Amino acid sequence: MGRKKEEMRRIHHKKMKKAKEKVKMYIKKEITYNQLNKLAKNFLEKRRKAEKSEKSSK
C-alpha cells in the first residue's frame, strides 16, 4: 500500500509541475488556450480569480 501511494504522489507532482509550466507558456503567448490541459486551465482560472480579488481589494 505504501509503495503505490508514493508512486501516485510522484505522478501527481509531475502532472502539477507540467501544468504550471503550460500556464507560464500561455502567459508568455507561446501556446494557445486550446493547448492547455484541464489541470492547467484550472490553475489559470485560480490565478485569474486571485488577480481579480487583489484588484478589487485595492
Protein backbone atom coordinates (compact mmCIF):
# COMPACT_ATOMS: atom_id res chain seq x y z
CA MET A 1 0.00 0.00 0.00
CA GLY A 2 2.76 2.43 0.88
CA ARG A 3 4.68 1.95 -2.35
CA LYS A 4 1.63 2.60 -4.52
CA LYS A 5 0.83 5.76 -2.54
CA GLU A 6 4.35 7.10 -3.10
CA GLU A 7 4.09 6.32 -6.81
CA MET A 8 0.75 8.15 -7.08
CA ARG A 9 2.22 11.15 -5.25
CA ARG A 10 5.12 11.21 -7.71
CA ILE A 11 2.77 11.06 -10.71
CA HIS A 12 0.55 13.80 -9.27
CA HIS A 13 3.55 16.05 -8.60
CA LYS A 14 4.78 15.54 -12.16
CA LYS A 15 1.37 16.46 -13.62
CA MET A 16 1.14 19.58 -11.44
CA LYS A 17 4.60 20.71 -12.49
CA LYS A 18 3.81 20.25 -16.20
CA ALA A 19 0.50 22.11 -15.83
CA LYS A 20 2.18 25.07 -14.14
CA GLU A 21 4.78 25.20 -16.92
CA LYS A 22 1.98 25.23 -19.51
CA VAL A 23 0.31 28.17 -17.73
CA LYS A 24 3.59 30.09 -17.79
CA MET A 25 3.95 29.35 -21.51
CA TYR A 26 0.37 30.53 -22.10
CA ILE A 27 1.05 33.80 -20.28
CA LYS A 28 4.13 34.34 -22.48
CA LYS A 29 1.86 33.73 -25.54
CA GLU A 30 3.89 30.68 -26.62
CA ILE A 31 0.83 28.39 -26.71
CA THR A 32 -2.91 28.89 -27.19
CA TYR A 33 -5.68 28.33 -24.66
CA ASN A 34 -6.82 25.22 -26.52
CA GLN A 35 -3.41 23.63 -26.00
CA LEU A 36 -3.73 23.79 -22.21
CA ASN A 37 -4.78 20.61 -20.46
CA LYS A 38 -7.60 20.51 -17.90
CA LEU A 39 -5.31 20.93 -14.90
CA ALA A 40 -3.52 23.89 -16.49
CA LYS A 41 -6.87 25.56 -17.24
CA ASN A 42 -7.81 25.08 -13.60
CA PHE A 43 -4.57 26.76 -12.45
CA LEU A 44 -5.17 29.61 -14.89
CA GLU A 45 -8.69 30.12 -13.53
CA LYS A 46 -7.38 30.21 -9.95
CA ARG A 47 -4.71 32.70 -10.98
CA ARG A 48 -7.28 34.98 -12.64
CA LYS A 49 -9.53 34.86 -9.58
CA ALA A 50 -6.59 35.77 -7.34
CA GLU A 51 -5.63 38.70 -9.57
CA LYS A 52 -9.24 39.88 -9.67
CA SER A 53 -9.55 39.77 -5.87
CA GLU A 54 -6.28 41.70 -5.49
CA LYS A 55 -7.52 44.46 -7.78
CA SER A 56 -10.86 44.71 -6.01
CA SER A 57 -9.24 44.88 -2.55
CA LYS A 58 -7.01 47.83 -3.51
